[in-house]
Amino acid sequence: NFIAFFLVVKWGILAVAMVYLIRSYLLAPIPLLLLRKLIKLDLLIYL
């Protein structure tokens, strides 16, 4: 987040919001994989 915000802040507040949106969805699989290991989460059922 911080790196992305730093790189785009010069283009204004909309650029900051857009990079936050994109980053959030790109990294979404990481916690799901951890939960799969922690409680044997079935990703197919979950999604």
ModelCIF file with pLDDT and N, C-alpha, C, O atoms, coordinates in Angstrom:
data_MODEL
#
_entry.id   MODEL 
#
_entity.id                         1 
_entity.type                       polymer 
_entity.pdbx_number_of_molecules   1 
#
_entity_poly.entity_id                      1 
_entity_poly.type                           'polypeptide(L)' 
_entity_poly.nstd_linkage                   no 
_entity_poly.nstd_monomer                   no 
_entity_poly.pdbx_seq_one_letter_code       NFIAFFLVVKWGILAVAMVYLIRSYLLAPIPLLLLRKLIKLDLLIYL 
_entity_poly.pdbx_seq_one_letter_code_can   NFIAFFLVVKWGILAVAMVYLIRSYLLAPIPLLLLRKLIKLDLLIYL 
_entity_poly.pdbx_strand_id                 A 
#
loop_
_entity_poly_seq.entity_id 
_entity_poly_seq.num 
_entity_poly_seq.mon_id 
_entity_poly_seq.hetero 
1 1  ASN n 
1 2  PHE n 
1 3  ILE n 
1 4  ALA n 
1 5  PHE n 
1 6  PHE n 
1 7  LEU n 
1 8  VAL n 
1 9  VAL n 
1 10 LYS n 
1 11 TRP n 
1 12 GLY n 
1 13 ILE n 
1 14 LEU n 
1 15 ALA n 
1 16 VAL n 
1 17 ALA n 
1 18 MET n 
1 19 VAL n 
1 20 TYR n 
1 21 LEU n 
1 22 ILE n 
1 23 ARG n 
1 24 SER n 
1 25 TYR n 
1 26 LEU n 
1 27 LEU n 
1 28 ALA n 
1 29 PRO n 
1 30 ILE n 
1 31 PRO n 
1 32 LEU n 
1 33 LEU n 
1 34 LEU n 
1 35 LEU n 
1 36 ARG n 
1 37 LYS n 
1 38 LEU n 
1 39 ILE n 
1 40 LYS n 
1 41 LEU n 
1 42 ASP n 
1 43 LEU n 
1 44 LEU n 
1 45 ILE n 
1 46 TYR n 
1 47 LEU n 
#
_struct_asym.id          A 
_struct_asym.entity_id   1 
#
loop_
_ma_qa_metric.id 
_ma_qa_metric.mode 
_ma_qa_metric.name 
_ma_qa_metric.software_group_id 
_ma_qa_metric.type 
1 global pLDDT . pLDDT 
2 local  pLDDT . pLDDT 
#
_ma_qa_metric_global.metric_id      1 
_ma_qa_metric_global.metric_value   92.55 
_ma_qa_metric_global.model_id       1 
_ma_qa_metric_global.ordinal_id     1 
#
loop_
_ma_qa_metric_local.label_asym_id 
_ma_qa_metric_local.label_comp_id 
_ma_qa_metric_local.label_seq_id 
_ma_qa_metric_local.metric_id 
_ma_qa_metric_local.metric_value 
_ma_qa_metric_local.model_id 
_ma_qa_metric_local.ordinal_id 
A ASN 1  2 89.00 1 1  
A PHE 2  2 91.00 1 2  
A ILE 3  2 93.00 1 3  
A ALA 4  2 94.00 1 4  
A PHE 5  2 95.00 1 5  
A PHE 6  2 95.00 1 6  
A LEU 7  2 96.00 1 7  
A VAL 8  2 96.00 1 8  
A VAL 9  2 96.00 1 9  
A LYS 10 2 94.00 1 10 
A TRP 11 2 96.00 1 11 
A GLY 12 2 95.00 1 12 
A ILE 13 2 96.00 1 13 
A LEU 14 2 96.00 1 14 
A ALA 15 2 96.00 1 15 
A VAL 16 2 96.00 1 16 
A ALA 17 2 96.00 1 17 
A MET 18 2 97.00 1 18 
A VAL 19 2 95.00 1 19 
A TYR 20 2 94.00 1 20 
A LEU 21 2 95.00 1 21 
A ILE 22 2 96.00 1 22 
A ARG 23 2 94.00 1 23 
A SER 24 2 93.00 1 24 
A TYR 25 2 94.00 1 25 
A LEU 26 2 94.00 1 26 
A LEU 27 2 93.00 1 27 
A ALA 28 2 92.00 1 28 
A PRO 29 2 92.00 1 29 
A ILE 30 2 92.00 1 30 
A PRO 31 2 90.00 1 31 
A LEU 32 2 91.00 1 32 
A LEU 33 2 91.00 1 33 
A LEU 34 2 90.00 1 34 
A LEU 35 2 89.00 1 35 
A ARG 36 2 89.00 1 36 
A LYS 37 2 88.00 1 37 
A LEU 38 2 87.00 1 38 
A ILE 39 2 87.00 1 39 
A LYS 40 2 87.00 1 40 
A LEU 41 2 87.00 1 41 
A ASP 42 2 89.00 1 42 
A LEU 43 2 89.00 1 43 
A LEU 44 2 91.00 1 44 
A ILE 45 2 90.00 1 45 
A TYR 46 2 92.00 1 46 
A LEU 47 2 92.00 1 47 
#
loop_
_atom_site.group_PDB 
_atom_site.id 
_atom_site.type_symbol 
_atom_site.label_atom_id 
_atom_site.label_alt_id 
_atom_site.label_comp_id 
_atom_site.label_asym_id 
_atom_site.label_entity_id 
_atom_site.label_seq_id 
_atom_site.pdbx_PDB_ins_code 
_atom_site.Cartn_x 
_atom_site.Cartn_y 
_atom_site.Cartn_z 
_atom_site.occupancy 
_atom_site.B_iso_or_equiv 
_atom_site.pdbx_formal_charge 
_atom_site.auth_seq_id 
_atom_site.auth_comp_id 
_atom_site.auth_asym_id 
_atom_site.auth_atom_id 
_atom_site.pdbx_PDB_model_num 
ATOM 1   N N  . ASN A 1 1  ? 0.827   -1.213  0.000  1.00 89.00 ? 1  ASN A N  1 
ATOM 2   C CA . ASN A 1 1  ? 0.000   0.000   0.000  1.00 89.00 ? 1  ASN A CA 1 
ATOM 3   C C  . ASN A 1 1  ? 0.858   1.259   0.000  1.00 89.00 ? 1  ASN A C  1 
ATOM 4   O O  . ASN A 1 1  ? 0.666   2.151   -0.827 1.00 89.00 ? 1  ASN A O  1 
ATOM 5   N N  . PHE A 1 2  ? 1.802   1.326   0.929  1.00 91.00 ? 2  PHE A N  1 
ATOM 6   C CA . PHE A 1 2  ? 2.590   2.539   1.076  1.00 91.00 ? 2  PHE A CA 1 
ATOM 7   C C  . PHE A 1 2  ? 3.423   2.824   -0.169 1.00 91.00 ? 2  PHE A C  1 
ATOM 8   O O  . PHE A 1 2  ? 3.523   3.970   -0.609 1.00 91.00 ? 2  PHE A O  1 
ATOM 9   N N  . ILE A 1 3  ? 4.016   1.785   -0.730 1.00 93.00 ? 3  ILE A N  1 
ATOM 10  C CA . ILE A 1 3  ? 4.804   1.974   -1.954 1.00 93.00 ? 3  ILE A CA 1 
ATOM 11  C C  . ILE A 1 3  ? 3.909   2.458   -3.090 1.00 93.00 ? 3  ILE A C  1 
ATOM 12  O O  . ILE A 1 3  ? 4.259   3.385   -3.820 1.00 93.00 ? 3  ILE A O  1 
ATOM 13  N N  . ALA A 1 4  ? 2.744   1.815   -3.228 1.00 94.00 ? 4  ALA A N  1 
ATOM 14  C CA . ALA A 1 4  ? 1.817   2.195   -4.303 1.00 94.00 ? 4  ALA A CA 1 
ATOM 15  C C  . ALA A 1 4  ? 1.329   3.627   -4.119 1.00 94.00 ? 4  ALA A C  1 
ATOM 16  O O  . ALA A 1 4  ? 1.279   4.394   -5.080 1.00 94.00 ? 4  ALA A O  1 
ATOM 17  N N  . PHE A 1 5  ? 0.966   3.998   -2.874 1.00 95.00 ? 5  PHE A N  1 
ATOM 18  C CA . PHE A 1 5  ? 0.505   5.360   -2.610 1.00 95.00 ? 5  PHE A CA 1 
ATOM 19  C C  . PHE A 1 5  ? 1.602   6.375   -2.933 1.00 95.00 ? 5  PHE A C  1 
ATOM 20  O O  . PHE A 1 5  ? 1.336   7.415   -3.537 1.00 95.00 ? 5  PHE A O  1 
ATOM 21  N N  . PHE A 1 6  ? 2.812   6.071   -2.534 1.00 95.00 ? 6  PHE A N  1 
ATOM 22  C CA . PHE A 1 6  ? 3.935   6.989   -2.752 1.00 95.00 ? 6  PHE A CA 1 
ATOM 23  C C  . PHE A 1 6  ? 4.184   7.219   -4.249 1.00 95.00 ? 6  PHE A C  1 
ATOM 24  O O  . PHE A 1 6  ? 4.519   8.326   -4.670 1.00 95.00 ? 6  PHE A O  1 
ATOM 25  N N  . LEU A 1 7  ? 4.018   6.162   -5.038 1.00 96.00 ? 7  LEU A N  1 
ATOM 26  C CA . LEU A 1 7  ? 4.291   6.255   -6.468 1.00 96.00 ? 7  LEU A CA 1 
ATOM 27  C C  . LEU A 1 7  ? 3.239   7.069   -7.220 1.00 96.00 ? 7  LEU A C  1 
ATOM 28  O O  . LEU A 1 7  ? 3.550   7.681   -8.242 1.00 96.00 ? 7  LEU A O  1 
ATOM 29  N N  . VAL A 1 8  ? 1.989   7.086   -6.726 1.00 96.00 ? 8  VAL A N  1 
ATOM 30  C CA . VAL A 1 8  ? 0.919   7.712   -7.504 1.00 96.00 ? 8  VAL A CA 1 
ATOM 31  C C  . VAL A 1 8  ? 0.363   8.988   -6.890 1.00 96.00 ? 8  VAL A C  1 
ATOM 32  O O  . VAL A 1 8  ? -0.438  9.669   -7.530 1.00 96.00 ? 8  VAL A O  1 
ATOM 33  N N  . VAL A 1 9  ? 0.768   9.337   -5.653 1.00 96.00 ? 9  VAL A N  1 
ATOM 34  C CA . VAL A 1 9  ? 0.139   10.473  -4.974 1.00 96.00 ? 9  VAL A CA 1 
ATOM 35  C C  . VAL A 1 9  ? 0.293   11.769  -5.765 1.00 96.00 ? 9  VAL A C  1 
ATOM 36  O O  . VAL A 1 9  ? -0.552  12.657  -5.653 1.00 96.00 ? 9  VAL A O  1 
ATOM 37  N N  . LYS A 1 10 ? 1.353   11.896  -6.561 1.00 94.00 ? 10 LYS A N  1 
ATOM 38  C CA . LYS A 1 10 ? 1.566   13.126  -7.332 1.00 94.00 ? 10 LYS A CA 1 
ATOM 39  C C  . LYS A 1 10 ? 0.473   13.351  -8.378 1.00 94.00 ? 10 LYS A C  1 
ATOM 40  O O  . LYS A 1 10 ? 0.305   14.466  -8.873 1.00 94.00 ? 10 LYS A O  1 
ATOM 41  N N  . TRP A 1 11 ? -0.273  12.288  -8.717 1.00 96.00 ? 11 TRP A N  1 
ATOM 42  C CA . TRP A 1 11 ? -1.367  12.419  -9.691 1.00 96.00 ? 11 TRP A CA 1 
ATOM 43  C C  . TRP A 1 11 ? -2.707  12.706  -9.025 1.00 96.00 ? 11 TRP A C  1 
ATOM 44  O O  . TRP A 1 11 ? -3.718  12.804  -9.721 1.00 96.00 ? 11 TRP A O  1 
ATOM 45  N N  . GLY A 1 12 ? -2.751  12.845  -7.711 1.00 95.00 ? 12 GLY A N  1 
ATOM 46  C CA . GLY A 1 12 ? -3.965  13.277  -7.043 1.00 95.00 ? 12 GLY A CA 1 
ATOM 47  C C  . GLY A 1 12 ? -4.659  12.184  -6.235 1.00 95.00 ? 12 GLY A C  1 
ATOM 48  O O  . GLY A 1 12 ? -4.232  11.030  -6.213 1.00 95.00 ? 12 GLY A O  1 
ATOM 49  N N  . ILE A 1 13 ? -5.753  12.592  -5.566 1.00 96.00 ? 13 ILE A N  1 
ATOM 50  C CA . ILE A 1 13 ? -6.425  11.692  -4.632 1.00 96.00 ? 13 ILE A CA 1 
ATOM 51  C C  . ILE A 1 13 ? -7.149  10.540  -5.346 1.00 96.00 ? 13 ILE A C  1 
ATOM 52  O O  . ILE A 1 13 ? -7.297  9.462   -4.770 1.00 96.00 ? 13 ILE A O  1 
ATOM 53  N N  . LEU A 1 14 ? -7.603  10.753  -6.591 1.00 96.00 ? 14 LEU A N  1 
ATOM 54  C CA . LEU A 1 14 ? -8.257  9.662   -7.314 1.00 96.00 ? 14 LEU A CA 1 
ATOM 55  C C  . LEU A 1 14 ? -7.261  8.558   -7.640 1.00 96.00 ? 14 LEU A C  1 
ATOM 56  O O  . LEU A 1 14 ? -7.600  7.377   -7.565 1.00 96.00 ? 14 LEU A O  1 
ATOM 57  N N  . ALA A 1 15 ? -6.045  8.926   -8.000 1.00 96.00 ? 15 ALA A N  1 
ATOM 58  C CA . ALA A 1 15 ? -5.016  7.926   -8.287 1.00 96.00 ? 15 ALA A CA 1 
ATOM 59  C C  . ALA A 1 15 ? -4.719  7.092   -7.045 1.00 96.00 ? 15 ALA A C  1 
ATOM 60  O O  . ALA A 1 15 ? -4.516  5.882   -7.140 1.00 96.00 ? 15 ALA A O  1 
ATOM 61  N N  . VAL A 1 16 ? -4.693  7.734   -5.887 1.00 96.00 ? 16 VAL A N  1 
ATOM 62  C CA . VAL A 1 16 ? -4.461  7.008   -4.627 1.00 96.00 ? 16 VAL A CA 1 
ATOM 63  C C  . VAL A 1 16 ? -5.591  6.011   -4.375 1.00 96.00 ? 16 VAL A C  1 
ATOM 64  O O  . VAL A 1 16 ? -5.343  4.864   -4.004 1.00 96.00 ? 16 VAL A O  1 
ATOM 65  N N  . ALA A 1 17 ? -6.823  6.452   -4.577 1.00 96.00 ? 17 ALA A N  1 
ATOM 66  C CA . ALA A 1 17 ? -7.968  5.562   -4.357 1.00 96.00 ? 17 ALA A CA 1 
ATOM 67  C C  . ALA A 1 17 ? -7.961  4.388   -5.338 1.00 96.00 ? 17 ALA A C  1 
ATOM 68  O O  . ALA A 1 17 ? -8.269  3.260   -4.953 1.00 96.00 ? 17 ALA A O  1 
ATOM 69  N N  . MET A 1 18 ? -7.614  4.643   -6.594 1.00 97.00 ? 18 MET A N  1 
ATOM 70  C CA . MET A 1 18 ? -7.611  3.586   -7.599 1.00 97.00 ? 18 MET A CA 1 
ATOM 71  C C  . MET A 1 18 ? -6.528  2.539   -7.331 1.00 97.00 ? 18 MET A C  1 
ATOM 72  O O  . MET A 1 18 ? -6.760  1.343   -7.507 1.00 97.00 ? 18 MET A O  1 
ATOM 73  N N  . VAL A 1 19 ? -5.361  2.985   -6.909 1.00 95.00 ? 19 VAL A N  1 
ATOM 74  C CA . VAL A 1 19 ? -4.291  2.019   -6.644 1.00 95.00 ? 19 VAL A CA 1 
ATOM 75  C C  . VAL A 1 19 ? -4.618  1.197   -5.404 1.00 95.00 ? 19 VAL A C  1 
ATOM 76  O O  . VAL A 1 19 ? -4.224  0.035   -5.308 1.00 95.00 ? 19 VAL A O  1 
ATOM 77  N N  . TYR A 1 20 ? -5.335  1.790   -4.455 1.00 94.00 ? 20 TYR A N  1 
ATOM 78  C CA . TYR A 1 20 ? -5.778  1.039   -3.284 1.00 94.00 ? 20 TYR A CA 1 
ATOM 79  C C  . TYR A 1 20 ? -6.765  -0.058  -3.684 1.00 94.00 ? 20 TYR A C  1 
ATOM 80  O O  . TYR A 1 20 ? -6.701  -1.182  -3.185 1.00 94.00 ? 20 TYR A O  1 
ATOM 81  N N  . LEU A 1 21 ? -7.676  0.288   -4.592 1.00 95.00 ? 21 LEU A N  1 
ATOM 82  C CA . LEU A 1 21 ? -8.651  -0.675  -5.091 1.00 95.00 ? 21 LEU A CA 1 
ATOM 83  C C  . LEU A 1 21 ? -7.961  -1.841  -5.798 1.00 95.00 ? 21 LEU A C  1 
ATOM 84  O O  . LEU A 1 21 ? -8.257  -3.003  -5.520 1.00 95.00 ? 21 LEU A O  1 
ATOM 85  N N  . ILE A 1 22 ? -7.051  -1.531  -6.702 1.00 96.00 ? 22 ILE A N  1 
ATOM 86  C CA . ILE A 1 22 ? -6.370  -2.572  -7.481 1.00 96.00 ? 22 ILE A CA 1 
ATOM 87  C C  . ILE A 1 22 ? -5.528  -3.464  -6.577 1.00 96.00 ? 22 ILE A C  1 
ATOM 88  O O  . ILE A 1 22 ? -5.560  -4.688  -6.701 1.00 96.00 ? 22 ILE A O  1 
ATOM 89  N N  . ARG A 1 23 ? -4.772  -2.847  -5.665 1.00 94.00 ? 23 ARG A N  1 
ATOM 90  C CA . ARG A 1 23 ? -3.909  -3.616  -4.769 1.00 94.00 ? 23 ARG A CA 1 
ATOM 91  C C  . ARG A 1 23 ? -4.711  -4.570  -3.903 1.00 94.00 ? 23 ARG A C  1 
ATOM 92  O O  . ARG A 1 23 ? -4.290  -5.702  -3.666 1.00 94.00 ? 23 ARG A O  1 
ATOM 93  N N  . SER A 1 24 ? -5.874  -4.114  -3.425 1.00 93.00 ? 24 SER A N  1 
ATOM 94  C CA . SER A 1 24 ? -6.698  -4.937  -2.530 1.00 93.00 ? 24 SER A CA 1 
ATOM 95  C C  . SER A 1 24 ? -7.112  -6.246  -3.183 1.00 93.00 ? 24 SER A C  1 
ATOM 96  O O  . SER A 1 24 ? -7.064  -7.300  -2.549 1.00 93.00 ? 24 SER A O  1 
ATOM 97  N N  . TYR A 1 25 ? -7.519  -6.185  -4.448 1.00 94.00 ? 25 TYR A N  1 
ATOM 98  C CA . TYR A 1 25 ? -7.979  -7.402  -5.115 1.00 94.00 ? 25 TYR A CA 1 
ATOM 99  C C  . TYR A 1 25 ? -6.824  -8.276  -5.587 1.00 94.00 ? 25 TYR A C  1 
ATOM 100 O O  . TYR A 1 25 ? -6.956  -9.499  -5.626 1.00 94.00 ? 25 TYR A O  1 
ATOM 101 N N  . LEU A 1 26 ? -5.702  -7.673  -5.943 1.00 94.00 ? 26 LEU A N  1 
ATOM 102 C CA . LEU A 1 26 ? -4.560  -8.473  -6.387 1.00 94.00 ? 26 LEU A CA 1 
ATOM 103 C C  . LEU A 1 26 ? -3.993  -9.341  -5.268 1.00 94.00 ? 26 LEU A C  1 
ATOM 104 O O  . LEU A 1 26 ? -3.537  -10.458 -5.513 1.00 94.00 ? 26 LEU A O  1 
ATOM 105 N N  . LEU A 1 27 ? -4.021  -8.824  -4.033 1.00 93.00 ? 27 LEU A N  1 
ATOM 106 C CA . LEU A 1 27 ? -3.449  -9.563  -2.911 1.00 93.00 ? 27 LEU A CA 1 
ATOM 107 C C  . LEU A 1 27 ? -4.484  -10.362 -2.120 1.00 93.00 ? 27 LEU A C  1 
ATOM 108 O O  . LEU A 1 27 ? -4.146  -10.970 -1.105 1.00 93.00 ? 27 LEU A O  1 
ATOM 109 N N  . ALA A 1 28 ? -5.718  -10.368 -2.563 1.00 92.00 ? 28 ALA A N  1 
ATOM 110 C CA . ALA A 1 28 ? -6.780  -11.073 -1.835 1.00 92.00 ? 28 ALA A CA 1 
ATOM 111 C C  . ALA A 1 28 ? -6.526  -12.572 -1.651 1.00 92.00 ? 28 ALA A C  1 
ATOM 112 O O  . ALA A 1 28 ? -6.914  -13.111 -0.614 1.00 92.00 ? 28 ALA A O  1 
ATOM 113 N N  . PRO A 1 29 ? -5.898  -13.273 -2.599 1.00 92.00 ? 29 PRO A N  1 
ATOM 114 C CA . PRO A 1 29 ? -5.701  -14.729 -2.412 1.00 92.00 ? 29 PRO A CA 1 
ATOM 115 C C  . PRO A 1 29 ? -4.812  -15.102 -1.227 1.00 92.00 ? 29 PRO A C  1 
ATOM 116 O O  . PRO A 1 29 ? -4.918  -16.218 -0.717 1.00 92.00 ? 29 PRO A O  1 
ATOM 117 N N  . ILE A 1 30 ? -3.942  -14.205 -0.778 1.00 92.00 ? 30 ILE A N  1 
ATOM 118 C CA . ILE A 1 30 ? -2.972  -14.567 0.264  1.00 92.00 ? 30 ILE A CA 1 
ATOM 119 C C  . ILE A 1 30 ? -3.646  -14.993 1.563  1.00 92.00 ? 30 ILE A C  1 
ATOM 120 O O  . ILE A 1 30 ? -3.364  -16.090 2.046  1.00 92.00 ? 30 ILE A O  1 
ATOM 121 N N  . PRO A 1 31 ? -4.537  -14.170 2.163  1.00 90.00 ? 31 PRO A N  1 
ATOM 122 C CA . PRO A 1 31 ? -5.184  -14.630 3.412  1.00 90.00 ? 31 PRO A CA 1 
ATOM 123 C C  . PRO A 1 31 ? -6.057  -15.858 3.222  1.00 90.00 ? 31 PRO A C  1 
ATOM 124 O O  . PRO A 1 31 ? -6.212  -16.648 4.153  1.00 90.00 ? 31 PRO A O  1 
ATOM 125 N N  . LEU A 1 32 ? -6.628  -16.036 2.041  1.00 91.00 ? 32 LEU A N  1 
ATOM 126 C CA . LEU A 1 32 ? -7.459  -17.216 1.801  1.00 91.00 ? 32 LEU A CA 1 
ATOM 127 C C  . LEU A 1 32 ? -6.626  -18.489 1.834  1.00 91.00 ? 32 LEU A C  1 
ATOM 128 O O  . LEU A 1 32 ? -7.078  -19.508 2.355  1.00 91.00 ? 32 LEU A O  1 
ATOM 129 N N  . LEU A 1 33 ? -5.432  -18.445 1.294  1.00 91.00 ? 33 LEU A N  1 
ATOM 130 C CA . LEU A 1 33 ? -4.551  -19.612 1.333  1.00 91.00 ? 33 LEU A CA 1 
ATOM 131 C C  . LEU A 1 33 ? -4.130  -19.939 2.764  1.00 91.00 ? 33 LEU A C  1 
ATOM 132 O O  . LEU A 1 33 ? -3.995  -21.108 3.123  1.00 91.00 ? 33 LEU A O  1 
ATOM 133 N N  . LEU A 1 34 ? -3.925  -18.912 3.573  1.00 90.00 ? 34 LEU A N  1 
ATOM 134 C CA . LEU A 1 34 ? -3.580  -19.142 4.978  1.00 90.00 ? 34 LEU A CA 1 
ATOM 135 C C  . LEU A 1 34 ? -4.746  -19.770 5.737  1.00 90.00 ? 34 LEU A C  1 
ATOM 136 O O  . LEU A 1 34 ? -4.552  -20.680 6.543  1.00 90.00 ? 34 LEU A O  1 
ATOM 137 N N  . LEU A 1 35 ? -5.960  -19.278 5.474  1.00 89.00 ? 35 LEU A N  1 
ATOM 138 C CA . LEU A 1 35 ? -7.134  -19.852 6.137  1.00 89.00 ? 35 LEU A CA 1 
ATOM 139 C C  . LEU A 1 35 ? -7.378  -21.288 5.683  1.00 89.00 ? 35 LEU A C  1 
ATOM 140 O O  . LEU A 1 35 ? -7.876  -22.113 6.449  1.00 89.00 ? 35 LEU A O  1 
ATOM 141 N N  . ARG A 1 36 ? -7.029  -21.576 4.452  1.00 89.00 ? 36 ARG A N  1 
ATOM 142 C CA . ARG A 1 36 ? -7.159  -22.961 3.958  1.00 89.00 ? 36 ARG A CA 1 
ATOM 143 C C  . ARG A 1 36 ? -6.287  -23.908 4.782  1.00 89.00 ? 36 ARG A C  1 
ATOM 144 O O  . ARG A 1 36 ? -6.671  -25.042 5.065  1.00 89.00 ? 36 ARG A O  1 
ATOM 145 N N  . LYS A 1 37 ? -5.122  -23.423 5.155  1.00 88.00 ? 37 LYS A N  1 
ATOM 146 C CA . LYS A 1 37 ? -4.223  -24.238 5.972  1.00 88.00 ? 37 LYS A CA 1 
ATOM 147 C C  . LYS A 1 37 ? -4.653  -24.252 7.433  1.00 88.00 ? 37 LYS A C  1 
ATOM 148 O O  . LYS A 1 37 ? -4.513  -25.275 8.104  1.00 88.00 ? 37 LYS A O  1 
ATOM 149 N N  . LEU A 1 38 ? -5.169  -23.143 7.935  1.00 87.00 ? 38 LEU A N  1 
ATOM 150 C CA . LEU A 1 38 ? -5.489  -23.013 9.349  1.00 87.00 ? 38 LEU A CA 1 
ATOM 151 C C  . LEU A 1 38 ? -6.727  -23.803 9.750  1.00 87.00 ? 38 LEU A C  1 
ATOM 152 O O  . LEU A 1 38 ? -6.709  -24.500 10.765 1.00 87.00 ? 38 LEU A O  1 
ATOM 153 N N  . ILE A 1 39 ? -7.798  -23.708 8.976  1.00 87.00 ? 39 ILE A N  1 
ATOM 154 C CA . ILE A 1 39 ? -9.057  -24.377 9.341  1.00 87.00 ? 39 ILE A CA 1 
ATOM 155 C C  . ILE A 1 39 ? -9.555  -25.304 8.238  1.00 87.00 ? 39 ILE A C  1 
ATOM 156 O O  . ILE A 1 39 ? -10.720 -25.701 8.217  1.00 87.00 ? 39 ILE A O  1 
ATOM 157 N N  . LYS A 1 40 ? -8.636  -25.646 7.309  1.00 87.00 ? 40 LYS A N  1 
ATOM 158 C CA . LYS A 1 40 ? -9.006  -26.501 6.169  1.00 87.00 ? 40 LYS A CA 1 
ATOM 159 C C  . LYS A 1 40 ? -10.179 -25.891 5.384  1.00 87.00 ? 40 LYS A C  1 
ATOM 160 O O  . LYS A 1 40 ? -11.150 -26.567 5.045  1.00 87.00 ? 40 LYS A O  1 
ATOM 161 N N  . LEU A 1 41 ? -10.047 -24.606 5.115  1.00 87.00 ? 41 LEU A N  1 
ATOM 162 C CA . LEU A 1 41 ? -11.074 -23.880 4.363  1.00 87.00 ? 41 LEU A CA 1 
ATOM 163 C C  . LEU A 1 41 ? -11.200 -24.451 2.956  1.00 87.00 ? 41 LEU A C  1 
ATOM 164 O O  . LEU A 1 41 ? -10.204 -24.596 2.248  1.00 87.00 ? 41 LEU A O  1 
ATOM 165 N N  . ASP A 1 42 ? -12.408 -24.770 2.560  1.00 89.00 ? 42 ASP A N  1 
ATOM 166 C CA . ASP A 1 42 ? -12.682 -25.229 1.198  1.00 89.00 ? 42 ASP A CA 1 
ATOM 167 C C  . ASP A 1 42 ? -12.931 -24.002 0.327  1.00 89.00 ? 42 ASP A C  1 
ATOM 168 O O  . ASP A 1 42 ? -13.979 -23.364 0.434  1.00 89.00 ? 42 ASP A O  1 
ATOM 169 N N  . LEU A 1 43 ? -11.977 -23.673 -0.528 1.00 89.00 ? 43 LEU A N  1 
ATOM 170 C CA . LEU A 1 43 ? -12.067 -22.448 -1.319 1.00 89.00 ? 43 LEU A CA 1 
ATOM 171 C C  . LEU A 1 43 ? -13.265 -22.457 -2.265 1.00 89.00 ? 43 LEU A C  1 
ATOM 172 O O  . LEU A 1 43 ? -13.865 -21.414 -2.525 1.00 89.00 ? 43 LEU A O  1 
ATOM 173 N N  . LEU A 1 44 ? -13.611 -23.641 -2.778 1.00 91.00 ? 44 LEU A N  1 
ATOM 174 C CA . LEU A 1 44 ? -14.748 -23.718 -3.687 1.00 91.00 ? 44 LEU A CA 1 
ATOM 175 C C  . LEU A 1 44 ? -16.047 -23.379 -2.955 1.00 91.00 ? 44 LEU A C  1 
ATOM 176 O O  . LEU A 1 44 ? -16.870 -22.614 -3.458 1.00 91.00 ? 44 LEU A O  1 
ATOM 177 N N  . ILE A 1 45 ? -16.224 -23.954 -1.762 1.00 90.00 ? 45 ILE A N  1 
ATOM 178 C CA . ILE A 1 45 ? -17.418 -23.636 -0.961 1.00 90.00 ? 45 ILE A CA 1 
ATOM 179 C C  . ILE A 1 45 ? -17.413 -22.162 -0.566 1.00 90.00 ? 45 ILE A C  1 
ATOM 180 O O  . ILE A 1 45 ? -18.439 -21.483 -0.620 1.00 90.00 ? 45 ILE A O  1 
ATOM 181 N N  . TYR A 1 46 ? -16.240 -21.686 -0.169 1.00 92.00 ? 46 TYR A N  1 
ATOM 182 C CA . TYR A 1 46 ? -16.119 -20.290 0.277  1.00 92.00 ? 46 TYR A CA 1 
ATOM 183 C C  . TYR A 1 46 ? -16.488 -19.314 -0.831 1.00 92.00 ? 46 TYR A C  1 
ATOM 184 O O  . TYR A 1 46 ? -17.230 -18.362 -0.590 1.00 92.00 ? 46 TYR A O  1 
ATOM 185 N N  . LEU A 1 47 ? -15.979 -19.537 -2.049 1.00 92.00 ? 47 LEU A N  1 
ATOM 186 C CA . LEU A 1 47 ? -16.239 -18.621 -3.159 1.00 92.00 ? 47 LEU A CA 1 
ATOM 187 C C  . LEU A 1 47 ? -17.645 -18.802 -3.734 1.00 92.00 ? 47 LEU A C  1 
ATOM 188 O O  . LEU A 1 47 ? -18.021 -18.104 -4.676 1.00 92.00 ? 47 LEU A O  1 
#
